[in-house]
Amino acid sequence: MALDKEETGERVLAIAEALLNEGGMDNLKARTIAEQAGISVGSVYNLFSDLDGVHRAVNMRLLDRLGAAGAAAMADLGKRGITDVRQRLLALASAYVRFVEAHPGSWPALLAFNRRRPTLSEPDAYEARLDQLFEIIAGVLAGGDFDLDDDTRRIAARTLWSSVHGIVTSGYAARSMRGQADEIDRQIELLVSVFIRGLERGGTFAHAGTTAP
């Protein structure tokens, strides 16, 4: 009986993600995927061209999942009538932390995969998905009384994302004590609080470039 291409592809991606979570990029082998999926190595390549194609497809699903987690966090707060910008940003950060914890190998592997990608002259599907994440943050910032134009709000969203991302990835990379998770949460809470306070006081690029007399 002929294999259903879509069903087989989904099985390959599920196996690939599990391998990445277990051991990172070095653990992703076409032969291992084929053996666990019950297909030939050639069938894996027929579905995804090469191993990078498999990894890329897993990464796309991860980014979609992260976007969905952020949207769900905002929807939950919306149902409860919570509009406070600080609470909403912390909820997004918390969703990201939980996502990283749930993907201990596949998320770092995505970051490593992106670092070795060639520089692209035009936006691609990766960039489009990241833009969707930034738009969620920018939408939260739009709900505050910060007097930001669209471009500044976009850059502020990217800045906040990069800062939280740095705290989370560096924290978990160096994680050797049980208390590290609490430390990450406290760092994020401090970052978000100071970030919002700066925006409330008119902390824009004009202010950032001003030197004290």
N, C-alpha and C. Protein backbone atom coordinates (compact mmCIF):
# COMPACT_ATOMS: atom_id res chain seq x y z
N MET A 1 0.84 -1.19 0.00
CA MET A 1 0.00 0.00 0.00
C MET A 1 0.89 1.25 0.00
N ALA A 2 0.56 2.19 -0.85
CA ALA A 2 1.35 3.41 -0.98
C ALA A 2 1.24 4.25 0.30
N LEU A 3 2.36 4.84 0.66
CA LEU A 3 2.38 5.69 1.85
C LEU A 3 1.75 7.04 1.54
N ASP A 4 0.97 7.55 2.48
CA ASP A 4 0.42 8.88 2.34
C ASP A 4 1.55 9.89 2.58
N LYS A 5 1.81 10.72 1.56
CA LYS A 5 2.95 11.63 1.62
C LYS A 5 2.86 12.61 2.78
N GLU A 6 1.67 13.21 2.98
CA GLU A 6 1.51 14.18 4.06
C GLU A 6 1.67 13.52 5.42
N GLU A 7 1.06 12.37 5.58
CA GLU A 7 1.15 11.66 6.87
C GLU A 7 2.58 11.24 7.16
N THR A 8 3.27 10.76 6.11
CA THR A 8 4.67 10.35 6.29
C THR A 8 5.54 11.55 6.62
N GLY A 9 5.28 12.66 5.96
CA GLY A 9 6.04 13.88 6.24
C GLY A 9 5.87 14.33 7.67
N GLU A 10 4.65 14.26 8.17
CA GLU A 10 4.40 14.65 9.56
C GLU A 10 5.12 13.72 10.52
N ARG A 11 5.14 12.43 10.19
CA ARG A 11 5.83 11.47 11.05
C ARG A 11 7.34 11.74 11.05
N VAL A 12 7.88 12.04 9.90
CA VAL A 12 9.31 12.37 9.80
C VAL A 12 9.65 13.60 10.64
N LEU A 13 8.81 14.63 10.56
CA LEU A 13 9.07 15.85 11.31
C LEU A 13 8.96 15.62 12.82
N ALA A 14 7.99 14.81 13.23
CA ALA A 14 7.84 14.51 14.66
C ALA A 14 9.07 13.77 15.18
N ILE A 15 9.56 12.83 14.40
CA ILE A 15 10.76 12.08 14.78
C ILE A 15 11.98 13.00 14.81
N ALA A 16 12.10 13.84 13.78
CA ALA A 16 13.23 14.77 13.71
C ALA A 16 13.24 15.72 14.90
N GLU A 17 12.07 16.22 15.27
CA GLU A 17 12.02 17.14 16.41
C GLU A 17 12.40 16.43 17.70
N ALA A 18 11.95 15.18 17.85
CA ALA A 18 12.31 14.42 19.05
C ALA A 18 13.82 14.19 19.10
N LEU A 19 14.42 13.90 17.96
CA LEU A 19 15.88 13.69 17.92
C LEU A 19 16.61 14.99 18.29
N LEU A 20 16.13 16.10 17.78
CA LEU A 20 16.74 17.39 18.10
C LEU A 20 16.61 17.71 19.58
N ASN A 21 15.46 17.43 20.15
CA ASN A 21 15.26 17.68 21.58
C ASN A 21 16.15 16.80 22.44
N GLU A 22 16.42 15.60 21.95
CA GLU A 22 17.23 14.66 22.72
C GLU A 22 18.72 14.98 22.65
N GLY A 23 19.18 15.49 21.49
CA GLY A 23 20.62 15.67 21.36
C GLY A 23 21.08 16.79 20.46
N GLY A 24 20.18 17.69 20.09
CA GLY A 24 20.57 18.81 19.25
C GLY A 24 20.87 18.43 17.82
N MET A 25 21.53 19.33 17.10
CA MET A 25 21.77 19.14 15.67
C MET A 25 22.59 17.89 15.37
N ASP A 26 23.53 17.58 16.23
CA ASP A 26 24.38 16.41 16.00
C ASP A 26 23.59 15.11 16.04
N ASN A 27 22.43 15.15 16.65
CA ASN A 27 21.61 13.94 16.80
C ASN A 27 20.67 13.72 15.62
N LEU A 28 20.62 14.68 14.70
CA LEU A 28 19.70 14.59 13.57
C LEU A 28 20.38 13.83 12.43
N LYS A 29 19.99 12.58 12.22
CA LYS A 29 20.56 11.72 11.18
C LYS A 29 19.44 11.18 10.28
N ALA A 30 19.66 11.24 8.98
CA ALA A 30 18.65 10.76 8.03
C ALA A 30 18.38 9.27 8.23
N ARG A 31 19.42 8.48 8.49
CA ARG A 31 19.23 7.05 8.67
C ARG A 31 18.40 6.75 9.92
N THR A 32 18.65 7.48 10.99
CA THR A 32 17.87 7.28 12.22
C THR A 32 16.41 7.64 11.98
N ILE A 33 16.17 8.75 11.29
CA ILE A 33 14.80 9.17 10.98
C ILE A 33 14.10 8.09 10.15
N ALA A 34 14.80 7.60 9.13
CA ALA A 34 14.22 6.59 8.24
C ALA A 34 13.88 5.31 9.00
N GLU A 35 14.79 4.89 9.86
CA GLU A 35 14.55 3.66 10.62
C GLU A 35 13.34 3.80 11.53
N GLN A 36 13.25 4.93 12.23
CA GLN A 36 12.13 5.12 13.16
C GLN A 36 10.81 5.34 12.44
N ALA A 37 10.88 5.91 11.23
CA ALA A 37 9.65 6.16 10.46
C ALA A 37 9.23 4.95 9.65
N GLY A 38 10.12 3.98 9.54
CA GLY A 38 9.80 2.79 8.77
C GLY A 38 9.83 3.02 7.26
N ILE A 39 10.71 3.92 6.82
CA ILE A 39 10.84 4.22 5.40
C ILE A 39 12.32 4.20 5.03
N SER A 40 12.61 4.37 3.77
CA SER A 40 14.00 4.39 3.32
C SER A 40 14.58 5.79 3.47
N VAL A 41 15.91 5.86 3.49
CA VAL A 41 16.57 7.16 3.53
C VAL A 41 16.21 7.98 2.30
N GLY A 42 16.10 7.29 1.16
CA GLY A 42 15.70 7.97 -0.06
C GLY A 42 14.34 8.62 0.05
N SER A 43 13.43 7.98 0.78
CA SER A 43 12.09 8.55 0.96
C SER A 43 12.14 9.83 1.79
N VAL A 44 13.04 9.86 2.77
CA VAL A 44 13.21 11.09 3.57
C VAL A 44 13.64 12.23 2.66
N TYR A 45 14.61 11.94 1.78
CA TYR A 45 15.11 12.98 0.89
C TYR A 45 14.11 13.35 -0.20
N ASN A 46 13.27 12.41 -0.58
CA ASN A 46 12.22 12.74 -1.55
C ASN A 46 11.22 13.72 -0.96
N LEU A 47 11.02 13.61 0.34
CA LEU A 47 10.06 14.49 1.01
C LEU A 47 10.65 15.88 1.29
N PHE A 48 11.94 15.94 1.67
CA PHE A 48 12.52 17.20 2.14
C PHE A 48 13.84 17.57 1.48
N SER A 49 14.18 16.97 0.37
CA SER A 49 15.39 17.29 -0.41
C SER A 49 16.69 16.88 0.28
N ASP A 50 16.90 17.34 1.50
CA ASP A 50 18.11 16.98 2.25
C ASP A 50 17.83 17.14 3.73
N LEU A 51 18.85 16.86 4.55
CA LEU A 51 18.67 16.93 6.00
C LEU A 51 18.40 18.34 6.46
N ASP A 52 19.02 19.33 5.81
CA ASP A 52 18.72 20.72 6.14
C ASP A 52 17.26 21.04 5.87
N GLY A 53 16.70 20.43 4.84
CA GLY A 53 15.28 20.63 4.54
C GLY A 53 14.39 20.10 5.65
N VAL A 54 14.77 18.97 6.22
CA VAL A 54 14.03 18.42 7.36
C VAL A 54 14.12 19.38 8.54
N HIS A 55 15.34 19.82 8.83
CA HIS A 55 15.55 20.70 9.98
C HIS A 55 14.80 22.02 9.78
N ARG A 56 14.85 22.54 8.59
CA ARG A 56 14.16 23.79 8.31
C ARG A 56 12.66 23.65 8.54
N ALA A 57 12.09 22.54 8.10
CA ALA A 57 10.65 22.32 8.28
C ALA A 57 10.30 22.21 9.76
N VAL A 58 11.15 21.55 10.54
CA VAL A 58 10.94 21.48 11.99
C VAL A 58 10.98 22.89 12.58
N ASN A 59 11.94 23.69 12.13
CA ASN A 59 12.07 25.05 12.66
C ASN A 59 10.84 25.90 12.35
N MET A 60 10.29 25.74 11.16
CA MET A 60 9.09 26.49 10.80
C MET A 60 7.95 26.15 11.75
N ARG A 61 7.82 24.87 12.05
CA ARG A 61 6.76 24.45 12.97
C ARG A 61 7.00 25.02 14.37
N LEU A 62 8.26 25.07 14.78
CA LEU A 62 8.57 25.62 16.10
C LEU A 62 8.20 27.10 16.17
N LEU A 63 8.54 27.85 15.13
CA LEU A 63 8.20 29.27 15.12
C LEU A 63 6.70 29.50 15.09
N ASP A 64 5.99 28.65 14.35
CA ASP A 64 4.52 28.74 14.34
C ASP A 64 3.96 28.46 15.73
N ARG A 65 4.55 27.48 16.39
CA ARG A 65 4.11 27.09 17.74
C ARG A 65 4.38 28.21 18.74
N LEU A 66 5.53 28.85 18.60
CA LEU A 66 5.85 29.96 19.50
C LEU A 66 4.90 31.12 19.28
N GLY A 67 4.61 31.43 18.02
CA GLY A 67 3.65 32.50 17.72
C GLY A 67 2.28 32.19 18.30
N ALA A 68 1.87 30.93 18.18
CA ALA A 68 0.57 30.52 18.72
C ALA A 68 0.54 30.64 20.24
N ALA A 69 1.67 30.34 20.88
CA ALA A 69 1.74 30.44 22.35
C ALA A 69 1.60 31.89 22.78
N GLY A 70 2.25 32.80 22.06
CA GLY A 70 2.13 34.22 22.37
C GLY A 70 0.72 34.73 22.16
N ALA A 71 0.12 34.33 21.05
CA ALA A 71 -1.26 34.76 20.76
C ALA A 71 -2.22 34.21 21.80
N ALA A 72 -2.00 32.98 22.23
CA ALA A 72 -2.88 32.37 23.25
C ALA A 72 -2.75 33.10 24.59
N ALA A 73 -1.52 33.50 24.93
CA ALA A 73 -1.31 34.23 26.19
C ALA A 73 -2.06 35.55 26.16
N MET A 74 -2.03 36.25 25.01
CA MET A 74 -2.74 37.52 24.89
C MET A 74 -4.26 37.32 24.91
N ALA A 75 -4.72 36.25 24.27
CA ALA A 75 -6.15 35.96 24.25
C ALA A 75 -6.67 35.66 25.65
N ASP A 76 -5.85 34.94 26.43
CA ASP A 76 -6.24 34.60 27.79
C ASP A 76 -6.38 35.86 28.64
N LEU A 77 -5.42 36.78 28.52
CA LEU A 77 -5.51 38.03 29.27
C LEU A 77 -6.68 38.87 28.80
N GLY A 78 -6.95 38.83 27.50
CA GLY A 78 -8.08 39.58 26.96
C GLY A 78 -9.40 39.10 27.53
N LYS A 79 -9.55 37.78 27.67
CA LYS A 79 -10.77 37.22 28.24
C LYS A 79 -10.97 37.66 29.68
N ARG A 80 -9.86 37.88 30.37
CA ARG A 80 -9.92 38.29 31.78
C ARG A 80 -9.93 39.81 31.94
N GLY A 81 -9.95 40.51 30.81
CA GLY A 81 -10.02 41.97 30.85
C GLY A 81 -8.75 42.64 31.31
N ILE A 82 -7.60 41.97 31.17
CA ILE A 82 -6.33 42.53 31.60
C ILE A 82 -5.69 43.26 30.43
N THR A 83 -5.53 44.57 30.57
CA THR A 83 -4.95 45.39 29.50
C THR A 83 -3.64 46.04 29.91
N ASP A 84 -3.25 45.88 31.16
CA ASP A 84 -2.02 46.50 31.64
C ASP A 84 -0.83 46.04 30.81
N VAL A 85 -0.08 46.98 30.28
CA VAL A 85 1.03 46.66 29.37
C VAL A 85 2.08 45.80 30.05
N ARG A 86 2.44 46.14 31.27
CA ARG A 86 3.46 45.37 31.98
C ARG A 86 3.04 43.92 32.14
N GLN A 87 1.81 43.69 32.57
CA GLN A 87 1.33 42.32 32.75
C GLN A 87 1.30 41.56 31.43
N ARG A 88 0.94 42.24 30.37
CA ARG A 88 0.85 41.59 29.07
C ARG A 88 2.25 41.23 28.54
N LEU A 89 3.20 42.12 28.73
CA LEU A 89 4.56 41.82 28.29
C LEU A 89 5.18 40.69 29.11
N LEU A 90 4.91 40.69 30.41
CA LEU A 90 5.42 39.61 31.26
C LEU A 90 4.77 38.28 30.89
N ALA A 91 3.50 38.32 30.48
CA ALA A 91 2.83 37.09 30.05
C ALA A 91 3.46 36.55 28.77
N LEU A 92 3.81 37.44 27.86
CA LEU A 92 4.50 37.02 26.64
C LEU A 92 5.86 36.42 26.96
N ALA A 93 6.59 37.07 27.86
CA ALA A 93 7.90 36.57 28.26
C ALA A 93 7.78 35.20 28.93
N SER A 94 6.76 35.05 29.76
CA SER A 94 6.53 33.78 30.43
C SER A 94 6.21 32.68 29.42
N ALA A 95 5.42 33.01 28.41
CA ALA A 95 5.11 32.04 27.36
C ALA A 95 6.37 31.61 26.63
N TYR A 96 7.28 32.56 26.42
CA TYR A 96 8.53 32.22 25.75
C TYR A 96 9.40 31.32 26.62
N VAL A 97 9.48 31.63 27.91
CA VAL A 97 10.26 30.80 28.83
C VAL A 97 9.72 29.37 28.84
N ARG A 98 8.41 29.23 28.94
CA ARG A 98 7.81 27.89 28.95
C ARG A 98 8.09 27.16 27.63
N PHE A 99 8.08 27.92 26.53
CA PHE A 99 8.36 27.32 25.22
C PHE A 99 9.79 26.78 25.17
N VAL A 100 10.74 27.56 25.64
CA VAL A 100 12.14 27.13 25.64
C VAL A 100 12.31 25.89 26.52
N GLU A 101 11.66 25.90 27.67
CA GLU A 101 11.74 24.74 28.57
C GLU A 101 11.16 23.49 27.93
N ALA A 102 10.12 23.66 27.12
CA ALA A 102 9.45 22.52 26.48
C ALA A 102 10.22 22.01 25.26
N HIS A 103 11.19 22.80 24.78
CA HIS A 103 11.96 22.42 23.59
C HIS A 103 13.46 22.56 23.89
N PRO A 104 13.97 21.74 24.82
CA PRO A 104 15.34 21.91 25.32
C PRO A 104 16.43 21.70 24.28
N GLY A 105 16.15 20.92 23.25
CA GLY A 105 17.16 20.68 22.23
C GLY A 105 16.81 21.29 20.89
N SER A 106 15.52 21.25 20.52
CA SER A 106 15.13 21.72 19.20
C SER A 106 15.20 23.24 19.05
N TRP A 107 14.93 23.99 20.14
CA TRP A 107 15.02 25.45 20.04
C TRP A 107 16.47 25.92 19.92
N PRO A 108 17.40 25.45 20.77
CA PRO A 108 18.82 25.80 20.55
C PRO A 108 19.31 25.36 19.17
N ALA A 109 18.81 24.22 18.68
CA ALA A 109 19.22 23.76 17.35
C ALA A 109 18.71 24.69 16.27
N LEU A 110 17.52 25.27 16.48
CA LEU A 110 17.00 26.25 15.52
C LEU A 110 17.92 27.48 15.49
N LEU A 111 18.33 27.94 16.66
CA LEU A 111 19.20 29.11 16.72
C LEU A 111 20.54 28.83 16.06
N ALA A 112 21.07 27.63 16.29
CA ALA A 112 22.34 27.24 15.67
C ALA A 112 22.19 27.13 14.16
N PHE A 113 21.06 26.61 13.72
CA PHE A 113 20.79 26.48 12.29
C PHE A 113 20.74 27.86 11.64
N ASN A 114 20.10 28.80 12.30
CA ASN A 114 19.99 30.15 11.75
C ASN A 114 21.35 30.85 11.67
N ARG A 115 22.21 30.58 12.66
CA ARG A 115 23.52 31.23 12.66
C ARG A 115 24.37 30.83 11.47
N ARG A 116 24.15 29.63 10.94
CA ARG A 116 24.97 29.19 9.80
C ARG A 116 24.26 29.38 8.46
N ARG A 117 23.07 30.00 8.49
CA ARG A 117 22.39 30.31 7.24
C ARG A 117 23.09 31.47 6.54
N PRO A 118 23.13 31.46 5.20
CA PRO A 118 23.72 32.60 4.49
C PRO A 118 22.84 33.84 4.66
N THR A 119 23.45 35.00 4.58
CA THR A 119 22.70 36.25 4.64
C THR A 119 21.81 36.37 3.41
N LEU A 120 20.55 36.65 3.62
CA LEU A 120 19.59 36.72 2.51
C LEU A 120 19.36 38.16 2.11
N SER A 121 19.22 38.36 0.81
CA SER A 121 18.99 39.72 0.31
C SER A 121 17.53 40.12 0.41
N GLU A 122 16.65 39.13 0.56
CA GLU A 122 15.22 39.42 0.65
C GLU A 122 14.62 38.65 1.83
N PRO A 123 13.53 39.15 2.42
CA PRO A 123 12.88 38.44 3.52
C PRO A 123 12.43 37.05 3.09
N ASP A 124 12.52 36.08 3.99
CA ASP A 124 12.04 34.73 3.68
C ASP A 124 11.02 34.31 4.72
N ALA A 125 10.65 33.04 4.69
CA ALA A 125 9.61 32.55 5.60
C ALA A 125 10.03 32.66 7.06
N TYR A 126 11.32 32.51 7.35
CA TYR A 126 11.79 32.70 8.71
C TYR A 126 11.49 34.11 9.18
N GLU A 127 11.90 35.07 8.37
CA GLU A 127 11.72 36.47 8.73
C GLU A 127 10.24 36.81 8.91
N ALA A 128 9.41 36.24 8.04
CA ALA A 128 7.97 36.50 8.13
C ALA A 128 7.41 36.02 9.46
N ARG A 129 7.87 34.87 9.91
CA ARG A 129 7.38 34.33 11.18
C ARG A 129 7.91 35.15 12.36
N LEU A 130 9.15 35.56 12.29
CA LEU A 130 9.69 36.42 13.35
C LEU A 130 8.97 37.76 13.39
N ASP A 131 8.65 38.29 12.22
CA ASP A 131 7.90 39.55 12.17
C ASP A 131 6.55 39.42 12.87
N GLN A 132 5.93 38.25 12.74
CA GLN A 132 4.64 38.03 13.41
C GLN A 132 4.81 38.08 14.93
N LEU A 133 5.93 37.54 15.42
CA LEU A 133 6.21 37.59 16.86
C LEU A 133 6.42 39.03 17.31
N PHE A 134 7.18 39.79 16.52
CA PHE A 134 7.43 41.19 16.87
C PHE A 134 6.13 42.00 16.85
N GLU A 135 5.24 41.64 15.92
CA GLU A 135 3.97 42.37 15.82
C GLU A 135 3.11 42.18 17.06
N ILE A 136 3.19 41.00 17.67
CA ILE A 136 2.45 40.76 18.91
C ILE A 136 2.94 41.72 19.99
N ILE A 137 4.27 41.84 20.11
CA ILE A 137 4.85 42.74 21.11
C ILE A 137 4.51 44.19 20.79
N ALA A 138 4.64 44.55 19.52
CA ALA A 138 4.33 45.93 19.11
C ALA A 138 2.87 46.25 19.40
N GLY A 139 1.99 45.26 19.22
CA GLY A 139 0.58 45.47 19.51
C GLY A 139 0.33 45.75 20.98
N VAL A 140 1.09 45.08 21.85
CA VAL A 140 0.98 45.34 23.29
C VAL A 140 1.47 46.76 23.60
N LEU A 141 2.59 47.13 23.01
CA LEU A 141 3.13 48.48 23.25
C LEU A 141 2.19 49.55 22.74
N ALA A 142 1.46 49.24 21.68
CA ALA A 142 0.50 50.21 21.14
C ALA A 142 -0.61 50.51 22.14
N GLY A 143 -0.84 49.59 23.08
CA GLY A 143 -1.87 49.79 24.08
C GLY A 143 -1.44 50.67 25.24
N GLY A 144 -0.16 51.05 25.26
CA GLY A 144 0.33 51.92 26.33
C GLY A 144 0.36 53.38 25.90
N ASP A 145 0.45 54.24 26.87
CA ASP A 145 0.48 55.68 26.60
C ASP A 145 1.93 56.13 26.45
N PHE A 146 2.57 55.69 25.35
CA PHE A 146 3.99 55.93 25.18
C PHE A 146 4.31 56.94 24.08
N ASP A 147 3.34 57.33 23.30
CA ASP A 147 3.55 58.31 22.23
C ASP A 147 4.68 57.87 21.29
N LEU A 148 4.57 56.62 20.79
CA LEU A 148 5.57 56.08 19.87
C LEU A 148 4.99 56.04 18.46
N ASP A 149 5.80 56.45 17.49
CA ASP A 149 5.35 56.28 16.10
C ASP A 149 5.55 54.82 15.71
N ASP A 150 5.03 54.43 14.57
CA ASP A 150 5.06 53.02 14.17
C ASP A 150 6.47 52.47 14.08
N ASP A 151 7.39 53.25 13.51
CA ASP A 151 8.75 52.75 13.33
C ASP A 151 9.45 52.57 14.67
N THR A 152 9.28 53.54 15.58
CA THR A 152 9.90 53.43 16.90
C THR A 152 9.30 52.27 17.69
N ARG A 153 7.99 52.09 17.55
CA ARG A 153 7.33 50.97 18.24
C ARG A 153 7.86 49.64 17.71
N ARG A 154 8.09 49.56 16.41
CA ARG A 154 8.63 48.33 15.80
C ARG A 154 10.02 48.04 16.36
N ILE A 155 10.86 49.06 16.42
CA ILE A 155 12.22 48.86 16.93
C ILE A 155 12.19 48.54 18.43
N ALA A 156 11.29 49.19 19.16
CA ALA A 156 11.15 48.90 20.59
C ALA A 156 10.75 47.44 20.81
N ALA A 157 9.85 46.94 19.97
CA ALA A 157 9.42 45.54 20.08
C ALA A 157 10.59 44.59 19.83
N ARG A 158 11.37 44.88 18.81
CA ARG A 158 12.52 44.04 18.51
C ARG A 158 13.57 44.12 19.62
N THR A 159 13.75 45.31 20.17
CA THR A 159 14.71 45.49 21.26
C THR A 159 14.30 44.67 22.48
N LEU A 160 13.04 44.73 22.82
CA LEU A 160 12.55 43.99 23.99
C LEU A 160 12.65 42.49 23.76
N TRP A 161 12.28 42.05 22.56
CA TRP A 161 12.39 40.63 22.22
C TRP A 161 13.84 40.17 22.37
N SER A 162 14.77 40.92 21.77
CA SER A 162 16.18 40.54 21.81
C SER A 162 16.71 40.48 23.24
N SER A 163 16.26 41.40 24.07
CA SER A 163 16.72 41.45 25.45
C SER A 163 16.20 40.26 26.25
N VAL A 164 14.92 39.96 26.12
CA VAL A 164 14.36 38.80 26.83
C VAL A 164 14.99 37.52 26.31
N HIS A 165 15.13 37.44 24.99
CA HIS A 165 15.76 36.27 24.38
C HIS A 165 17.17 36.06 24.92
N GLY A 166 17.93 37.15 25.06
CA GLY A 166 19.28 37.04 25.60
C GLY A 166 19.30 36.53 27.02
N ILE A 167 18.39 37.04 27.84
CA ILE A 167 18.31 36.58 29.24
C ILE A 167 18.00 35.10 29.30
N VAL A 168 17.02 34.69 28.51
CA VAL A 168 16.58 33.29 28.56
C VAL A 168 17.65 32.34 28.03
N THR A 169 18.20 32.64 26.86
CA THR A 169 19.17 31.72 26.26
C THR A 169 20.46 31.65 27.06
N SER A 170 20.94 32.79 27.54
CA SER A 170 22.17 32.76 28.34
C SER A 170 21.92 32.11 29.68
N GLY A 171 20.74 32.33 30.23
CA GLY A 171 20.41 31.72 31.52
C GLY A 171 20.35 30.22 31.46
N TYR A 172 19.71 29.69 30.43
CA TYR A 172 19.59 28.25 30.32
C TYR A 172 20.87 27.59 29.83
N ALA A 173 21.68 28.33 29.07
CA ALA A 173 22.96 27.79 28.63
C ALA A 173 23.90 27.57 29.81
N ALA A 174 23.78 28.45 30.82
CA ALA A 174 24.66 28.37 31.99
C ALA A 174 23.98 27.71 33.18
N ARG A 175 22.83 27.12 32.94
CA ARG A 175 22.03 26.63 34.06
C ARG A 175 22.70 25.44 34.75
N SER A 176 23.09 25.64 36.00
CA SER A 176 23.72 24.58 36.77
C SER A 176 23.12 24.45 38.15
N MET A 177 22.24 25.40 38.50
CA MET A 177 21.62 25.37 39.82
C MET A 177 20.10 25.44 39.66
N ARG A 178 19.40 24.87 40.61
CA ARG A 178 17.94 24.86 40.59
C ARG A 178 17.39 26.29 40.60
N GLY A 179 18.08 27.20 41.28
CA GLY A 179 17.59 28.57 41.42
C GLY A 179 17.72 29.40 40.16
N GLN A 180 18.32 28.87 39.10
CA GLN A 180 18.53 29.66 37.90
C GLN A 180 17.21 30.08 37.27
N ALA A 181 16.19 29.24 37.32
CA ALA A 181 14.89 29.58 36.73
C ALA A 181 14.30 30.81 37.41
N ASP A 182 14.39 30.87 38.72
CA ASP A 182 13.89 32.04 39.45
C ASP A 182 14.69 33.29 39.08
N GLU A 183 15.98 33.11 38.91
CA GLU A 183 16.84 34.24 38.53
C GLU A 183 16.44 34.78 37.15
N ILE A 184 16.13 33.90 36.22
CA ILE A 184 15.70 34.31 34.88
C ILE A 184 14.41 35.12 34.98
N ASP A 185 13.46 34.62 35.76
CA ASP A 185 12.19 35.32 35.93
C ASP A 185 12.40 36.72 36.52
N ARG A 186 13.27 36.82 37.51
CA ARG A 186 13.52 38.12 38.15
C ARG A 186 14.21 39.09 37.19
N GLN A 187 15.12 38.58 36.39
CA GLN A 187 15.80 39.43 35.40
C GLN A 187 14.79 39.97 34.38
N ILE A 188 13.91 39.09 33.93
CA ILE A 188 12.91 39.52 32.94
C ILE A 188 11.97 40.55 33.54
N GLU A 189 11.54 40.32 34.77
CA GLU A 189 10.62 41.26 35.41
C GLU A 189 11.30 42.63 35.57
N LEU A 190 12.57 42.64 35.96
CA LEU A 190 13.30 43.90 36.08
C LEU A 190 13.43 44.58 34.72
N LEU A 191 13.79 43.81 33.72
CA LEU A 191 13.96 44.37 32.37
C LEU A 191 12.67 45.02 31.88
N VAL A 192 11.56 44.29 31.97
CA VAL A 192 10.28 44.80 31.48
C VAL A 192 9.87 46.05 32.26
N SER A 193 10.04 46.02 33.57
CA SER A 193 9.64 47.17 34.40
C SER A 193 10.45 48.41 34.04
N VAL A 194 11.76 48.26 33.90
CA VAL A 194 12.62 49.40 33.56
C VAL A 194 12.32 49.88 32.14
N PHE A 195 12.09 48.94 31.23
CA PHE A 195 11.79 49.28 29.84
C PHE A 195 10.52 50.13 29.76
N ILE A 196 9.49 49.70 30.45
CA ILE A 196 8.23 50.44 30.44
C ILE A 196 8.40 51.81 31.10
N ARG A 197 9.11 51.85 32.23
CA ARG A 197 9.33 53.12 32.91
C ARG A 197 10.05 54.11 31.99
N GLY A 198 11.00 53.61 31.23
CA GLY A 198 11.71 54.47 30.30
C GLY A 198 10.79 55.02 29.22
N LEU A 199 9.91 54.17 28.68
CA LEU A 199 8.97 54.62 27.66
C LEU A 199 7.98 55.62 28.25
N GLU A 200 7.55 55.40 29.47
CA GLU A 200 6.61 56.32 30.12
C GLU A 200 7.23 57.70 30.32
N ARG A 201 8.53 57.73 30.52
CA ARG A 201 9.23 59.01 30.74
C ARG A 201 9.72 59.62 29.44
N GLY A 202 9.27 59.05 28.32
CA GLY A 202 9.65 59.61 27.03
C GLY A 202 11.00 59.14 26.55
N GLY A 203 11.41 57.95 26.98
CA GLY A 203 12.70 57.42 26.58
C GLY A 203 12.70 56.97 25.14
N THR A 204 13.02 57.87 24.23
CA THR A 204 13.08 57.55 22.80
C THR A 204 14.52 57.71 22.32
N PHE A 205 14.72 57.54 21.03
CA PHE A 205 16.05 57.66 20.47
C PHE A 205 16.63 59.05 20.67
N ALA A 206 15.78 60.05 20.62
CA ALA A 206 16.26 61.41 20.81
C ALA A 206 16.86 61.57 22.19
N HIS A 207 16.18 60.98 23.20
CA HIS A 207 16.67 61.07 24.56
C HIS A 207 17.94 60.23 24.75
N ALA A 208 17.93 59.06 24.09
CA ALA A 208 19.07 58.16 24.25
C ALA A 208 20.35 58.78 23.70
N GLY A 209 20.20 59.63 22.70
CA GLY A 209 21.39 60.22 22.10
C GLY A 209 21.84 61.49 22.77
N THR A 210 21.13 61.90 23.82
CA THR A 210 21.48 63.15 24.51
C THR A 210 22.47 62.89 25.63
N THR A 211 23.51 63.66 25.69
CA THR A 211 24.48 63.51 26.77
C THR A 211 24.24 64.57 27.84
N ALA A 212 24.47 64.18 29.04
CA ALA A 212 24.25 65.12 30.16
C ALA A 212 25.29 66.22 30.12
N PRO A 213 24.91 67.45 30.49
CA PRO A 213 25.87 68.56 30.48
C PRO A 213 26.93 68.35 31.57
